[in-house]
Amino acid sequence: MIPFKTDPIQFRQRQLFPTYIFDLLPKDHPCFVFDDIFQMLDTSSVEEQYSP
């Protein structure tokens, strides 16, 4: 049988993903353009409808 992870360091990892995934991307990655656009959107009316 082949073990899932052979390296004990990988086996004992505490995080599956980094805390902030965008830290792994280059600063000129296209996703940051979308992030800027989404930050400018006014979503307050939608949030009011779905907030308790």
PDB file of N, CA and C in Angstrom:
ATOM      1  N   MET A   1       0.827  -1.174   0.000  1.00  0.00           N
ATOM      2  CA  MET A   1       0.000   0.000   0.000  1.00  0.00           C
ATOM      3  C   MET A   1       0.880   1.249   0.000  1.00  0.00           C
ATOM      4  N   ILE A   2       0.489   2.251  -0.792  1.00  0.00           N
ATOM      5  CA  ILE A   2       1.255   3.493  -0.876  1.00  0.00           C
ATOM      6  C   ILE A   2       0.635   4.520   0.082  1.00  0.00           C
ATOM      7  N   PRO A   3       1.436   5.082   0.986  1.00  0.00           N
ATOM      8  CA  PRO A   3       0.888   6.084   1.901  1.00  0.00           C
ATOM      9  C   PRO A   3       0.481   7.351   1.155  1.00  0.00           C
ATOM     10  N   PHE A   4      -0.485   8.036   1.704  1.00  0.00           N
ATOM     11  CA  PHE A   4      -0.961   9.270   1.083  1.00  0.00           C
ATOM     12  C   PHE A   4       0.138  10.319   1.055  1.00  0.00           C
ATOM     13  N   LYS A   5       0.787  10.526   2.177  1.00  0.00           N
ATOM     14  CA  LYS A   5       1.923  11.442   2.257  1.00  0.00           C
ATOM     15  C   LYS A   5       3.067  10.706   2.928  1.00  0.00           C
ATOM     16  N   THR A   6       4.193  10.706   2.278  1.00  0.00           N
ATOM     17  CA  THR A   6       5.334   9.985   2.827  1.00  0.00           C
ATOM     18  C   THR A   6       6.196  10.863   3.712  1.00  0.00           C
ATOM     19  N   ASP A   7       6.210  12.152   3.463  1.00  0.00           N
ATOM     20  CA  ASP A   7       7.042  13.058   4.237  1.00  0.00           C
ATOM     21  C   ASP A   7       6.316  13.466   5.517  1.00  0.00           C
ATOM     22  N   PRO A   8       6.887  13.206   6.695  1.00  0.00           N
ATOM     23  CA  PRO A   8       6.200  13.540   7.946  1.00  0.00           C
ATOM     24  C   PRO A   8       5.932  15.037   8.105  1.00  0.00           C
ATOM     25  N   ILE A   9       6.762  15.871   7.516  1.00  0.00           N
ATOM     26  CA  ILE A   9       6.546  17.314   7.609  1.00  0.00           C
ATOM     27  C   ILE A   9       5.256  17.685   6.883  1.00  0.00           C
ATOM     28  N   GLN A  10       5.047  17.148   5.696  1.00  0.00           N
ATOM     29  CA  GLN A  10       3.813  17.417   4.963  1.00  0.00           C
ATOM     30  C   GLN A  10       2.611  16.820   5.688  1.00  0.00           C
ATOM     31  N   PHE A  11       2.820  15.692   6.292  1.00  0.00           N
ATOM     32  CA  PHE A  11       1.721  15.025   6.987  1.00  0.00           C
ATOM     33  C   PHE A  11       1.222  15.847   8.174  1.00  0.00           C
ATOM     34  N   ARG A  12       2.120  16.562   8.801  1.00  0.00           N
ATOM     35  CA  ARG A  12       1.770  17.336   9.995  1.00  0.00           C
ATOM     36  C   ARG A  12       1.500  18.809   9.691  1.00  0.00           C
ATOM     37  N   GLN A  13       1.215  19.128   8.473  1.00  0.00           N
ATOM     38  CA  GLN A  13       0.959  20.536   8.147  1.00  0.00           C
ATOM     39  C   GLN A  13      -0.278  21.048   8.878  1.00  0.00           C
ATOM     40  N   ARG A  14      -0.275  22.302   9.233  1.00  0.00           N
ATOM     41  CA  ARG A  14      -1.365  22.889  10.000  1.00  0.00           C
ATOM     42  C   ARG A  14      -2.360  23.630   9.120  1.00  0.00           C
ATOM     43  N   GLN A  15      -1.939  24.070   7.962  1.00  0.00           N
ATOM     44  CA  GLN A  15      -2.825  24.804   7.081  1.00  0.00           C
ATOM     45  C   GLN A  15      -2.883  24.126   5.726  1.00  0.00           C
ATOM     46  N   LEU A  16      -4.094  24.033   5.208  1.00  0.00           N
ATOM     47  CA  LEU A  16      -4.237  23.500   3.873  1.00  0.00           C
ATOM     48  C   LEU A  16      -3.961  24.586   2.841  1.00  0.00           C
ATOM     49  N   PHE A  17      -4.416  25.798   3.129  1.00  0.00           N
ATOM     50  CA  PHE A  17      -4.212  26.943   2.242  1.00  0.00           C
ATOM     51  C   PHE A  17      -3.534  28.064   3.021  1.00  0.00           C
ATOM     52  N   PRO A  18      -2.837  28.931   2.326  1.00  0.00           N
ATOM     53  CA  PRO A  18      -2.243  30.062   3.037  1.00  0.00           C
ATOM     54  C   PRO A  18      -3.329  30.974   3.602  1.00  0.00           C
ATOM     55  N   THR A  19      -2.960  31.773   4.563  1.00  0.00           N
ATOM     56  CA  THR A  19      -3.916  32.665   5.199  1.00  0.00           C
ATOM     57  C   THR A  19      -4.557  33.602   4.185  1.00  0.00           C
ATOM     58  N   TYR A  20      -3.773  34.195   3.322  1.00  0.00           N
ATOM     59  CA  TYR A  20      -4.280  35.128   2.320  1.00  0.00           C
ATOM     60  C   TYR A  20      -3.747  34.671   0.964  1.00  0.00           C
ATOM     61  N   ILE A  21      -4.604  34.076   0.173  1.00  0.00           N
ATOM     62  CA  ILE A  21      -4.187  33.448  -1.089  1.00  0.00           C
ATOM     63  C   ILE A  21      -3.568  34.446  -2.067  1.00  0.00           C
ATOM     64  N   PHE A  22      -3.970  35.709  -1.986  1.00  0.00           N
ATOM     65  CA  PHE A  22      -3.445  36.713  -2.914  1.00  0.00           C
ATOM     66  C   PHE A  22      -1.971  37.016  -2.667  1.00  0.00           C
ATOM     67  N   ASP A  23      -1.458  36.643  -1.534  1.00  0.00           N
ATOM     68  CA  ASP A  23      -0.033  36.825  -1.269  1.00  0.00           C
ATOM     69  C   ASP A  23       0.830  35.972  -2.190  1.00  0.00           C
ATOM     70  N   LEU A  24       0.259  34.937  -2.739  1.00  0.00           N
ATOM     71  CA  LEU A  24       1.018  34.045  -3.617  1.00  0.00           C
ATOM     72  C   LEU A  24       1.031  34.505  -5.068  1.00  0.00           C
ATOM     73  N   LEU A  25       0.211  35.483  -5.394  1.00  0.00           N
ATOM     74  CA  LEU A  25       0.108  35.952  -6.775  1.00  0.00           C
ATOM     75  C   LEU A  25       1.013  37.152  -7.006  1.00  0.00           C
ATOM     76  N   PRO A  26       1.513  37.302  -8.245  1.00  0.00           N
ATOM     77  CA  PRO A  26       2.292  38.507  -8.532  1.00  0.00           C
ATOM     78  C   PRO A  26       1.391  39.740  -8.478  1.00  0.00           C
ATOM     79  N   LYS A  27       1.978  40.876  -8.167  1.00  0.00           N
ATOM     80  CA  LYS A  27       1.196  42.108  -7.989  1.00  0.00           C
ATOM     81  C   LYS A  27       0.498  42.558  -9.273  1.00  0.00           C
ATOM     82  N   ASP A  28       0.976  42.120 -10.421  1.00  0.00           N
ATOM     83  CA  ASP A  28       0.347  42.528 -11.685  1.00  0.00           C
ATOM     84  C   ASP A  28      -0.628  41.471 -12.224  1.00  0.00           C
ATOM     85  N   HIS A  29      -1.027  40.541 -11.393  1.00  0.00           N
ATOM     86  CA  HIS A  29      -1.979  39.508 -11.810  1.00  0.00           C
ATOM     87  C   HIS A  29      -3.339  40.143 -12.105  1.00  0.00           C
ATOM     88  N   PRO A  30      -4.033  39.683 -13.170  1.00  0.00           N
ATOM     89  CA  PRO A  30      -5.327  40.283 -13.553  1.00  0.00           C
ATOM     90  C   PRO A  30      -6.404  40.219 -12.472  1.00  0.00           C
ATOM     91  N   CYS A  31      -6.310  39.306 -11.565  1.00  0.00           N
ATOM     92  CA  CYS A  31      -7.342  39.205 -10.529  1.00  0.00           C
ATOM     93  C   CYS A  31      -7.424  40.466  -9.679  1.00  0.00           C
ATOM     94  N   PHE A  32      -6.331  41.198  -9.559  1.00  0.00           N
ATOM     95  CA  PHE A  32      -6.348  42.411  -8.748  1.00  0.00           C
ATOM     96  C   PHE A  32      -7.183  43.515  -9.393  1.00  0.00           C
ATOM     97  N   VAL A  33      -7.282  43.504 -10.707  1.00  0.00           N
ATOM     98  CA  VAL A  33      -8.153  44.466 -11.391  1.00  0.00           C
ATOM     99  C   VAL A  33      -9.596  44.200 -10.987  1.00  0.00           C
ATOM    100  N   PHE A  34      -9.990  42.943 -10.990  1.00  0.00           N
ATOM    101  CA  PHE A  34     -11.354  42.592 -10.596  1.00  0.00           C
ATOM    102  C   PHE A  34     -11.595  42.907  -9.121  1.00  0.00           C
ATOM    103  N   ASP A  35     -10.612  42.685  -8.314  1.00  0.00           N
ATOM    104  CA  ASP A  35     -10.752  43.009  -6.898  1.00  0.00           C
ATOM    105  C   ASP A  35     -11.026  44.503  -6.715  1.00  0.00           C
ATOM    106  N   ASP A  36     -10.305  45.328  -7.446  1.00  0.00           N
ATOM    107  CA  ASP A  36     -10.533  46.779  -7.370  1.00  0.00           C
ATOM    108  C   ASP A  36     -11.935  47.145  -7.826  1.00  0.00           C
ATOM    109  N   ILE A  37     -12.378  46.525  -8.898  1.00  0.00           N
ATOM    110  CA  ILE A  37     -13.722  46.809  -9.422  1.00  0.00           C
ATOM    111  C   ILE A  37     -14.781  46.386  -8.416  1.00  0.00           C
ATOM    112  N   PHE A  38     -14.647  45.209  -7.855  1.00  0.00           N
ATOM    113  CA  PHE A  38     -15.634  44.712  -6.896  1.00  0.00           C
ATOM    114  C   PHE A  38     -15.658  45.554  -5.620  1.00  0.00           C
ATOM    115  N   GLN A  39     -14.523  46.093  -5.238  1.00  0.00           N
ATOM    116  CA  GLN A  39     -14.480  46.941  -4.046  1.00  0.00           C
ATOM    117  C   GLN A  39     -15.233  48.254  -4.258  1.00  0.00           C
ATOM    118  N   MET A  40     -15.331  48.687  -5.506  1.00  0.00           N
ATOM    119  CA  MET A  40     -16.024  49.943  -5.810  1.00  0.00           C
ATOM    120  C   MET A  40     -17.536  49.771  -5.939  1.00  0.00           C
ATOM    121  N   LEU A  41     -18.005  48.550  -6.061  1.00  0.00           N
ATOM    122  CA  LEU A  41     -19.441  48.324  -6.207  1.00  0.00           C
ATOM    123  C   LEU A  41     -20.181  48.610  -4.904  1.00  0.00           C
ATOM    124  N   ASP A  42     -21.323  49.223  -5.041  1.00  0.00           N
ATOM    125  CA  ASP A  42     -22.162  49.476  -3.873  1.00  0.00           C
ATOM    126  C   ASP A  42     -23.147  48.320  -3.732  1.00  0.00           C
ATOM    127  N   THR A  43     -22.925  47.491  -2.752  1.00  0.00           N
ATOM    128  CA  THR A  43     -23.770  46.311  -2.545  1.00  0.00           C
ATOM    129  C   THR A  43     -24.677  46.465  -1.325  1.00  0.00           C
ATOM    130  N   SER A  44     -24.789  47.658  -0.809  1.00  0.00           N
ATOM    131  CA  SER A  44     -25.542  47.863   0.429  1.00  0.00           C
ATOM    132  C   SER A  44     -27.013  47.484   0.292  1.00  0.00           C
ATOM    133  N   SER A  45     -27.628  47.767  -0.859  1.00  0.00           N
ATOM    134  CA  SER A  45     -29.048  47.418  -1.020  1.00  0.00           C
ATOM    135  C   SER A  45     -29.255  45.902  -1.011  1.00  0.00           C
ATOM    136  N   VAL A  46     -28.340  45.177  -1.605  1.00  0.00           N
ATOM    137  CA  VAL A  46     -28.429  43.715  -1.610  1.00  0.00           C
ATOM    138  C   VAL A  46     -28.175  43.177  -0.201  1.00  0.00           C
ATOM    139  N   GLU A  47     -27.189  43.734   0.472  1.00  0.00           N
ATOM    140  CA  GLU A  47     -26.868  43.289   1.825  1.00  0.00           C
ATOM    141  C   GLU A  47     -28.024  43.541   2.786  1.00  0.00           C
ATOM    142  N   GLU A  48     -28.733  44.626   2.600  1.00  0.00           N
ATOM    143  CA  GLU A  48     -29.884  44.922   3.463  1.00  0.00           C
ATOM    144  C   GLU A  48     -30.980  43.871   3.317  1.00  0.00           C
ATOM    145  N   GLN A  49     -31.168  43.385   2.119  1.00  0.00           N
ATOM    146  CA  GLN A  49     -32.218  42.390   1.865  1.00  0.00           C
ATOM    147  C   GLN A  49     -31.881  41.035   2.480  1.00  0.00           C
ATOM    148  N   TYR A  50     -30.613  40.714   2.549  1.00  0.00           N
ATOM    149  CA  TYR A  50     -30.212  39.379   2.993  1.00  0.00           C
ATOM    150  C   TYR A  50     -29.596  39.357   4.381  1.00  0.00           C
ATOM    151  N   SER A  51     -29.526  40.484   5.033  1.00  0.00           N
ATOM    152  CA  SER A  51     -28.989  40.524   6.398  1.00  0.00           C
ATOM    153  C   SER A  51     -30.119  40.328   7.397  1.00  0.00           C
ATOM    154  N   PRO A  52     -29.850  39.618   8.478  1.00  0.00           N
ATOM    155  CA  PRO A  52     -30.904  39.405   9.486  1.00  0.00           C
ATOM    156  C   PRO A  52     -31.209  40.663  10.277  1.00  0.00           C
TER     157      PRO A  52
END
